[in-house]
Amino acid sequence: MGYYNRGTDNTMTRQKHEIGGANVECWIDVDKIIHIGRKINLEGLAPGTVIPAGTMVHFDNLSDFAEIIKADAGSAKLATVNGLTRHDIKVVEGTFYASVAIVTSGKCWGDATDVPASVEAQLPNIEFVRLRKDAREAYGIE
């Protein structure tokens, strides 16, 4: 039996699914995307997991794969971040890989991402725009 692209957005699965997502647009403008179609291994992630747009990622030009880097990763791992995901990645049952577009240049809402200041500094081509304090309070953002 072959694999059919019946997943959601950028995932491949054998079944058709619908799943809610983060659905928060974190990008204001995207200037450069690297390797649309880089694969992320999703094995071990629970169905219903959503990796939101603006998540840190590491890729190299010698591999077809990219790696999601979490904000609580060690400093050595954070030092490898060289882009952010363009779209949400929604994990559904039977999902084994997702394709990911990696943004290396653009402008995003910094309040909508979980990127530490140290990583922001190593992504000079991505501008992180923050809401004013009064606007964050009005929207309930800490």
N, C-alpha and C. Protein backbone atom coordinates (compact mmCIF):
# COMPACT_ATOMS: atom_id res chain seq x y z
N MET A 1 0.85 -1.19 0.00
CA MET A 1 0.00 0.00 0.00
C MET A 1 0.88 1.24 0.00
N GLY A 2 0.62 2.16 -0.89
CA GLY A 2 1.41 3.37 -0.98
C GLY A 2 0.97 4.42 0.02
N TYR A 3 1.76 5.44 0.14
CA TYR A 3 1.43 6.56 1.01
C TYR A 3 0.71 7.62 0.19
N TYR A 4 -0.30 8.20 0.79
CA TYR A 4 -1.06 9.23 0.12
C TYR A 4 -0.98 10.50 0.95
N ASN A 5 -0.93 11.63 0.28
CA ASN A 5 -0.86 12.90 0.99
C ASN A 5 -2.26 13.32 1.39
N ARG A 6 -2.77 12.72 2.46
CA ARG A 6 -4.09 13.04 2.98
C ARG A 6 -3.99 13.62 4.38
N GLY A 7 -2.84 14.13 4.72
CA GLY A 7 -2.65 14.72 6.04
C GLY A 7 -3.21 16.13 6.07
N THR A 8 -2.68 16.93 6.93
CA THR A 8 -3.12 18.31 7.02
C THR A 8 -1.96 19.21 6.67
N ASP A 9 -2.19 20.20 5.90
CA ASP A 9 -1.19 21.17 5.51
C ASP A 9 0.05 20.48 4.95
N ASN A 10 1.08 20.31 5.76
CA ASN A 10 2.37 19.86 5.26
C ASN A 10 2.78 18.51 5.82
N THR A 11 1.81 17.63 6.13
CA THR A 11 2.14 16.31 6.65
C THR A 11 1.68 15.23 5.69
N MET A 12 2.27 14.05 5.81
CA MET A 12 1.86 12.91 5.00
C MET A 12 1.38 11.82 5.93
N THR A 13 0.22 11.26 5.63
CA THR A 13 -0.35 10.20 6.44
C THR A 13 -1.18 9.31 5.53
N ARG A 14 -1.64 8.20 6.05
CA ARG A 14 -2.47 7.29 5.28
C ARG A 14 -3.96 7.59 5.43
N GLN A 15 -4.30 8.49 6.32
CA GLN A 15 -5.71 8.77 6.60
C GLN A 15 -5.97 10.27 6.47
N LYS A 16 -7.22 10.61 6.24
CA LYS A 16 -7.60 12.02 6.17
C LYS A 16 -7.98 12.49 7.57
N HIS A 17 -7.47 13.65 7.99
CA HIS A 17 -7.72 14.18 9.32
C HIS A 17 -7.91 15.68 9.27
N GLU A 18 -8.61 16.20 10.26
CA GLU A 18 -8.65 17.63 10.49
C GLU A 18 -8.23 17.84 11.93
N ILE A 19 -7.45 18.89 12.15
CA ILE A 19 -6.94 19.14 13.49
C ILE A 19 -6.85 20.64 13.69
N GLY A 20 -7.14 21.08 14.88
CA GLY A 20 -6.99 22.51 15.19
C GLY A 20 -5.52 22.84 15.29
N GLY A 21 -5.19 24.08 15.16
CA GLY A 21 -3.79 24.45 15.22
C GLY A 21 -3.56 25.72 15.98
N ALA A 22 -2.32 26.11 16.02
CA ALA A 22 -1.97 27.34 16.69
C ALA A 22 -2.65 28.51 15.98
N ASN A 23 -2.66 28.46 14.65
CA ASN A 23 -3.34 29.46 13.83
C ASN A 23 -3.06 30.89 14.25
N VAL A 24 -1.85 31.14 14.69
CA VAL A 24 -1.42 32.50 15.02
C VAL A 24 -0.42 32.90 13.96
N GLU A 25 -0.73 33.93 13.22
CA GLU A 25 0.19 34.38 12.18
C GLU A 25 1.32 35.15 12.83
N CYS A 26 2.50 34.58 12.81
CA CYS A 26 3.63 35.26 13.45
C CYS A 26 4.44 36.06 12.44
N TRP A 27 4.24 35.82 11.15
CA TRP A 27 5.06 36.51 10.14
C TRP A 27 4.37 37.76 9.61
N ILE A 28 5.11 38.84 9.62
CA ILE A 28 4.66 40.10 9.03
C ILE A 28 5.09 40.14 7.57
N ASP A 29 6.32 39.72 7.33
CA ASP A 29 6.88 39.72 5.98
C ASP A 29 7.95 38.64 5.91
N VAL A 30 7.99 37.92 4.81
CA VAL A 30 9.00 36.89 4.61
C VAL A 30 9.80 37.25 3.37
N ASP A 31 11.12 37.42 3.55
CA ASP A 31 11.98 37.78 2.43
C ASP A 31 12.65 36.58 1.79
N LYS A 32 13.03 35.58 2.61
CA LYS A 32 13.77 34.44 2.07
C LYS A 32 13.39 33.17 2.80
N ILE A 33 13.04 32.14 2.01
CA ILE A 33 12.72 30.82 2.54
C ILE A 33 13.73 29.84 1.96
N ILE A 34 14.24 28.98 2.82
CA ILE A 34 15.21 27.97 2.39
C ILE A 34 14.54 26.61 2.32
N HIS A 35 14.77 25.92 1.26
CA HIS A 35 14.39 24.52 1.08
C HIS A 35 12.97 24.19 1.52
N ILE A 36 12.04 24.67 0.74
CA ILE A 36 10.67 24.22 0.97
C ILE A 36 10.69 22.71 0.74
N GLY A 37 10.19 21.97 1.68
CA GLY A 37 10.19 20.53 1.55
C GLY A 37 11.24 19.84 2.39
N ARG A 38 12.02 20.58 3.20
CA ARG A 38 12.90 19.90 4.16
C ARG A 38 12.03 19.05 5.05
N LYS A 39 12.49 17.88 5.40
CA LYS A 39 11.68 16.97 6.20
C LYS A 39 12.05 17.06 7.68
N ILE A 40 11.02 16.92 8.51
CA ILE A 40 11.19 16.82 9.95
C ILE A 40 10.61 15.48 10.37
N ASN A 41 11.38 14.71 11.14
CA ASN A 41 10.92 13.43 11.63
C ASN A 41 9.97 13.68 12.80
N LEU A 42 8.73 13.22 12.67
CA LEU A 42 7.71 13.47 13.70
C LEU A 42 7.42 12.23 14.55
N GLU A 43 8.17 11.17 14.35
CA GLU A 43 7.95 9.97 15.16
C GLU A 43 8.11 10.29 16.63
N GLY A 44 7.22 9.77 17.43
CA GLY A 44 7.27 10.00 18.87
C GLY A 44 6.46 11.19 19.33
N LEU A 45 5.98 12.02 18.40
CA LEU A 45 5.12 13.15 18.79
C LEU A 45 3.67 12.68 18.80
N ALA A 46 2.94 13.06 19.81
CA ALA A 46 1.55 12.63 19.97
C ALA A 46 0.66 13.29 18.93
N PRO A 47 -0.33 12.52 18.42
CA PRO A 47 -1.32 13.14 17.53
C PRO A 47 -1.99 14.32 18.23
N GLY A 48 -2.21 15.37 17.49
CA GLY A 48 -2.78 16.59 18.05
C GLY A 48 -1.73 17.63 18.39
N THR A 49 -0.46 17.23 18.37
CA THR A 49 0.62 18.18 18.63
C THR A 49 0.70 19.18 17.48
N VAL A 50 0.87 20.44 17.82
CA VAL A 50 1.06 21.47 16.80
C VAL A 50 2.38 22.17 17.07
N ILE A 51 3.26 22.15 16.10
CA ILE A 51 4.51 22.90 16.17
C ILE A 51 4.22 24.22 15.47
N PRO A 52 4.16 25.32 16.22
CA PRO A 52 3.69 26.57 15.63
C PRO A 52 4.69 27.23 14.67
N ALA A 53 4.16 28.03 13.78
CA ALA A 53 5.00 28.85 12.91
C ALA A 53 5.90 29.71 13.79
N GLY A 54 7.13 29.92 13.35
CA GLY A 54 8.07 30.70 14.14
C GLY A 54 8.89 29.87 15.10
N THR A 55 8.78 28.54 15.00
CA THR A 55 9.56 27.65 15.85
C THR A 55 10.99 27.57 15.33
N MET A 56 11.94 27.51 16.25
CA MET A 56 13.35 27.46 15.87
C MET A 56 13.69 26.14 15.20
N VAL A 57 14.57 26.21 14.21
CA VAL A 57 14.95 25.03 13.46
C VAL A 57 16.43 25.11 13.08
N HIS A 58 17.05 23.94 12.97
CA HIS A 58 18.42 23.84 12.47
C HIS A 58 18.39 23.01 11.19
N PHE A 59 19.06 23.47 10.17
CA PHE A 59 19.21 22.69 8.94
C PHE A 59 20.64 22.85 8.45
N ASP A 60 21.09 21.87 7.68
CA ASP A 60 22.37 22.03 6.99
C ASP A 60 22.17 21.59 5.55
N ASN A 61 23.08 21.99 4.70
CA ASN A 61 22.92 21.72 3.28
C ASN A 61 23.30 20.31 2.87
N LEU A 62 23.77 19.49 3.82
CA LEU A 62 24.17 18.13 3.51
C LEU A 62 23.06 17.12 3.77
N SER A 63 21.92 17.57 4.25
CA SER A 63 20.84 16.67 4.64
C SER A 63 19.51 17.17 4.11
N ASP A 64 18.59 16.23 3.91
CA ASP A 64 17.22 16.58 3.53
C ASP A 64 16.38 16.88 4.76
N PHE A 65 16.94 16.68 5.95
CA PHE A 65 16.19 16.83 7.18
C PHE A 65 16.51 18.13 7.89
N ALA A 66 15.56 18.59 8.65
CA ALA A 66 15.74 19.73 9.54
C ALA A 66 15.37 19.26 10.94
N GLU A 67 15.85 19.95 11.95
CA GLU A 67 15.58 19.57 13.33
C GLU A 67 14.92 20.72 14.07
N ILE A 68 13.83 20.42 14.75
CA ILE A 68 13.16 21.41 15.59
C ILE A 68 13.98 21.58 16.86
N ILE A 69 14.23 22.83 17.26
CA ILE A 69 14.99 23.13 18.48
C ILE A 69 14.04 23.83 19.45
N LYS A 70 13.90 23.26 20.64
CA LYS A 70 13.01 23.84 21.66
C LYS A 70 13.74 24.93 22.44
N ALA A 71 12.96 25.87 22.97
CA ALA A 71 13.53 27.01 23.70
C ALA A 71 14.29 26.58 24.95
N ASP A 72 13.94 25.42 25.51
CA ASP A 72 14.62 24.96 26.72
C ASP A 72 15.81 24.04 26.42
N ALA A 73 16.21 23.96 25.16
CA ALA A 73 17.39 23.17 24.79
C ALA A 73 18.64 23.82 25.37
N GLY A 74 19.68 23.06 25.48
CA GLY A 74 20.93 23.60 26.00
C GLY A 74 21.53 24.64 25.08
N SER A 75 22.46 25.41 25.60
CA SER A 75 23.05 26.50 24.82
C SER A 75 23.78 26.00 23.58
N ALA A 76 24.37 24.81 23.64
CA ALA A 76 25.05 24.27 22.46
C ALA A 76 24.06 24.01 21.34
N LYS A 77 22.90 23.49 21.67
CA LYS A 77 21.86 23.21 20.67
C LYS A 77 21.25 24.51 20.15
N LEU A 78 21.00 25.47 21.05
CA LEU A 78 20.45 26.76 20.63
C LEU A 78 21.40 27.49 19.67
N ALA A 79 22.69 27.26 19.84
CA ALA A 79 23.68 27.91 18.98
C ALA A 79 23.61 27.43 17.53
N THR A 80 22.91 26.30 17.29
CA THR A 80 22.81 25.76 15.93
C THR A 80 21.61 26.29 15.16
N VAL A 81 20.73 27.03 15.84
CA VAL A 81 19.51 27.53 15.17
C VAL A 81 19.90 28.48 14.04
N ASN A 82 19.34 28.20 12.84
CA ASN A 82 19.64 29.08 11.70
C ASN A 82 18.40 29.43 10.88
N GLY A 83 17.22 29.25 11.48
CA GLY A 83 16.00 29.65 10.81
C GLY A 83 14.79 29.38 11.69
N LEU A 84 13.62 29.81 11.21
CA LEU A 84 12.35 29.60 11.91
C LEU A 84 11.36 29.00 10.93
N THR A 85 10.43 28.18 11.44
CA THR A 85 9.43 27.57 10.57
C THR A 85 8.48 28.64 10.02
N ARG A 86 8.06 28.46 8.79
CA ARG A 86 7.15 29.41 8.14
C ARG A 86 5.70 29.17 8.52
N HIS A 87 5.31 27.89 8.64
CA HIS A 87 3.92 27.52 8.89
C HIS A 87 3.81 26.62 10.11
N ASP A 88 2.58 26.46 10.62
CA ASP A 88 2.31 25.47 11.65
C ASP A 88 2.57 24.07 11.08
N ILE A 89 3.02 23.16 11.93
CA ILE A 89 3.15 21.75 11.57
C ILE A 89 2.21 21.00 12.49
N LYS A 90 1.21 20.36 11.91
CA LYS A 90 0.18 19.69 12.69
C LYS A 90 0.38 18.18 12.60
N VAL A 91 0.53 17.55 13.74
CA VAL A 91 0.79 16.12 13.80
C VAL A 91 -0.53 15.37 13.95
N VAL A 92 -0.82 14.49 13.00
CA VAL A 92 -2.01 13.66 13.07
C VAL A 92 -1.58 12.20 13.17
N GLU A 93 -2.49 11.35 13.59
CA GLU A 93 -2.17 9.94 13.73
C GLU A 93 -1.71 9.37 12.39
N GLY A 94 -0.64 8.62 12.43
CA GLY A 94 -0.10 8.04 11.21
C GLY A 94 0.92 8.95 10.52
N THR A 95 1.16 10.12 11.06
CA THR A 95 2.13 11.04 10.47
C THR A 95 3.54 10.56 10.78
N PHE A 96 4.39 10.56 9.78
CA PHE A 96 5.76 10.15 10.01
C PHE A 96 6.75 11.24 9.66
N TYR A 97 6.44 12.09 8.70
CA TYR A 97 7.29 13.21 8.32
C TYR A 97 6.41 14.42 8.05
N ALA A 98 7.00 15.59 8.16
CA ALA A 98 6.36 16.81 7.70
C ALA A 98 7.38 17.57 6.88
N SER A 99 6.91 18.25 5.87
CA SER A 99 7.80 19.14 5.15
C SER A 99 7.75 20.50 5.85
N VAL A 100 8.84 21.22 5.74
CA VAL A 100 8.89 22.50 6.44
C VAL A 100 9.59 23.53 5.57
N ALA A 101 9.00 24.71 5.52
CA ALA A 101 9.65 25.85 4.89
C ALA A 101 10.37 26.61 6.00
N ILE A 102 11.63 26.94 5.77
CA ILE A 102 12.46 27.57 6.80
C ILE A 102 12.76 29.01 6.39
N VAL A 103 12.34 29.94 7.24
CA VAL A 103 12.56 31.35 6.97
C VAL A 103 13.92 31.75 7.52
N THR A 104 14.73 32.39 6.68
CA THR A 104 16.03 32.89 7.12
C THR A 104 16.12 34.41 7.03
N SER A 105 15.11 35.04 6.46
CA SER A 105 15.10 36.49 6.36
C SER A 105 13.65 36.97 6.31
N GLY A 106 13.31 37.89 7.21
CA GLY A 106 11.96 38.41 7.24
C GLY A 106 11.69 39.19 8.51
N LYS A 107 10.42 39.43 8.76
CA LYS A 107 9.99 40.19 9.94
C LYS A 107 8.85 39.42 10.60
N CYS A 108 8.97 39.18 11.92
CA CYS A 108 7.93 38.43 12.62
C CYS A 108 7.53 39.14 13.91
N TRP A 109 6.37 38.74 14.42
CA TRP A 109 5.91 39.23 15.71
C TRP A 109 6.68 38.46 16.77
N GLY A 110 7.61 39.10 17.44
CA GLY A 110 8.42 38.45 18.46
C GLY A 110 7.60 37.93 19.62
N ASP A 111 6.46 38.58 19.90
CA ASP A 111 5.58 38.14 20.99
C ASP A 111 4.88 36.82 20.66
N ALA A 112 4.84 36.45 19.38
CA ALA A 112 4.15 35.22 18.96
C ALA A 112 5.11 34.05 18.80
N THR A 113 6.38 34.25 19.11
CA THR A 113 7.37 33.18 19.00
C THR A 113 7.99 32.90 20.36
N ASP A 114 8.61 31.74 20.47
CA ASP A 114 9.29 31.34 21.70
C ASP A 114 10.79 31.27 21.41
N VAL A 115 11.36 32.40 21.04
CA VAL A 115 12.77 32.47 20.65
C VAL A 115 13.52 33.29 21.69
N PRO A 116 14.50 32.67 22.36
CA PRO A 116 15.29 33.42 23.36
C PRO A 116 16.09 34.55 22.71
N ALA A 117 16.41 35.56 23.50
CA ALA A 117 17.17 36.72 23.00
C ALA A 117 18.50 36.30 22.40
N SER A 118 19.15 35.29 22.96
CA SER A 118 20.45 34.84 22.43
C SER A 118 20.30 34.32 21.01
N VAL A 119 19.18 33.67 20.70
CA VAL A 119 18.95 33.15 19.35
C VAL A 119 18.54 34.28 18.41
N GLU A 120 17.74 35.22 18.92
CA GLU A 120 17.38 36.38 18.09
C GLU A 120 18.64 37.06 17.58
N ALA A 121 19.65 37.17 18.43
CA ALA A 121 20.90 37.85 18.06
C ALA A 121 21.65 37.10 16.96
N GLN A 122 21.50 35.79 16.88
CA GLN A 122 22.22 35.03 15.85
C GLN A 122 21.41 34.88 14.56
N LEU A 123 20.24 35.51 14.52
CA LEU A 123 19.42 35.54 13.30
C LEU A 123 19.29 36.99 12.83
N PRO A 124 20.38 37.59 12.35
CA PRO A 124 20.37 39.02 12.05
C PRO A 124 19.44 39.42 10.91
N ASN A 125 19.05 38.48 10.07
CA ASN A 125 18.18 38.80 8.94
C ASN A 125 16.69 38.65 9.26
N ILE A 126 16.40 38.27 10.51
CA ILE A 126 15.01 38.20 10.95
C ILE A 126 14.80 39.28 12.01
N GLU A 127 13.85 40.16 11.73
CA GLU A 127 13.53 41.23 12.68
C GLU A 127 12.36 40.78 13.56
N PHE A 128 12.55 40.87 14.87
CA PHE A 128 11.52 40.49 15.83
C PHE A 128 10.83 41.76 16.33
N VAL A 129 9.59 41.96 15.93
CA VAL A 129 8.83 43.15 16.29
C VAL A 129 8.00 42.83 17.53
N ARG A 130 8.06 43.70 18.51
CA ARG A 130 7.33 43.49 19.76
C ARG A 130 6.20 44.52 19.90
N LEU A 131 5.10 44.07 20.50
CA LEU A 131 4.01 44.99 20.81
C LEU A 131 4.43 45.88 21.98
N ARG A 132 3.87 47.06 22.03
CA ARG A 132 4.09 47.93 23.19
C ARG A 132 3.50 47.27 24.43
N LYS A 133 3.98 47.65 25.58
CA LYS A 133 3.52 47.06 26.83
C LYS A 133 2.01 47.18 27.00
N ASP A 134 1.43 48.33 26.70
CA ASP A 134 -0.01 48.50 26.87
C ASP A 134 -0.81 47.61 25.91
N ALA A 135 -0.28 47.38 24.72
CA ALA A 135 -0.96 46.50 23.76
C ALA A 135 -0.87 45.05 24.22
N ARG A 136 0.29 44.64 24.76
CA ARG A 136 0.43 43.27 25.28
C ARG A 136 -0.57 43.03 26.41
N GLU A 137 -0.71 44.01 27.28
CA GLU A 137 -1.66 43.87 28.40
C GLU A 137 -3.09 43.78 27.88
N ALA A 138 -3.43 44.56 26.88
CA ALA A 138 -4.78 44.54 26.33
C ALA A 138 -5.12 43.19 25.71
N TYR A 139 -4.11 42.51 25.13
CA TYR A 139 -4.32 41.20 24.51
C TYR A 139 -4.01 40.05 25.46
N GLY A 140 -3.64 40.35 26.69
CA GLY A 140 -3.36 39.30 27.66
C GLY A 140 -2.06 38.58 27.43
N ILE A 141 -1.10 39.23 26.78
CA ILE A 141 0.21 38.64 26.52
C ILE A 141 1.17 39.09 27.60
N GLU A 142 1.87 38.15 28.20
CA GLU A 142 2.82 38.50 29.27
C GLU A 142 4.15 38.92 28.70
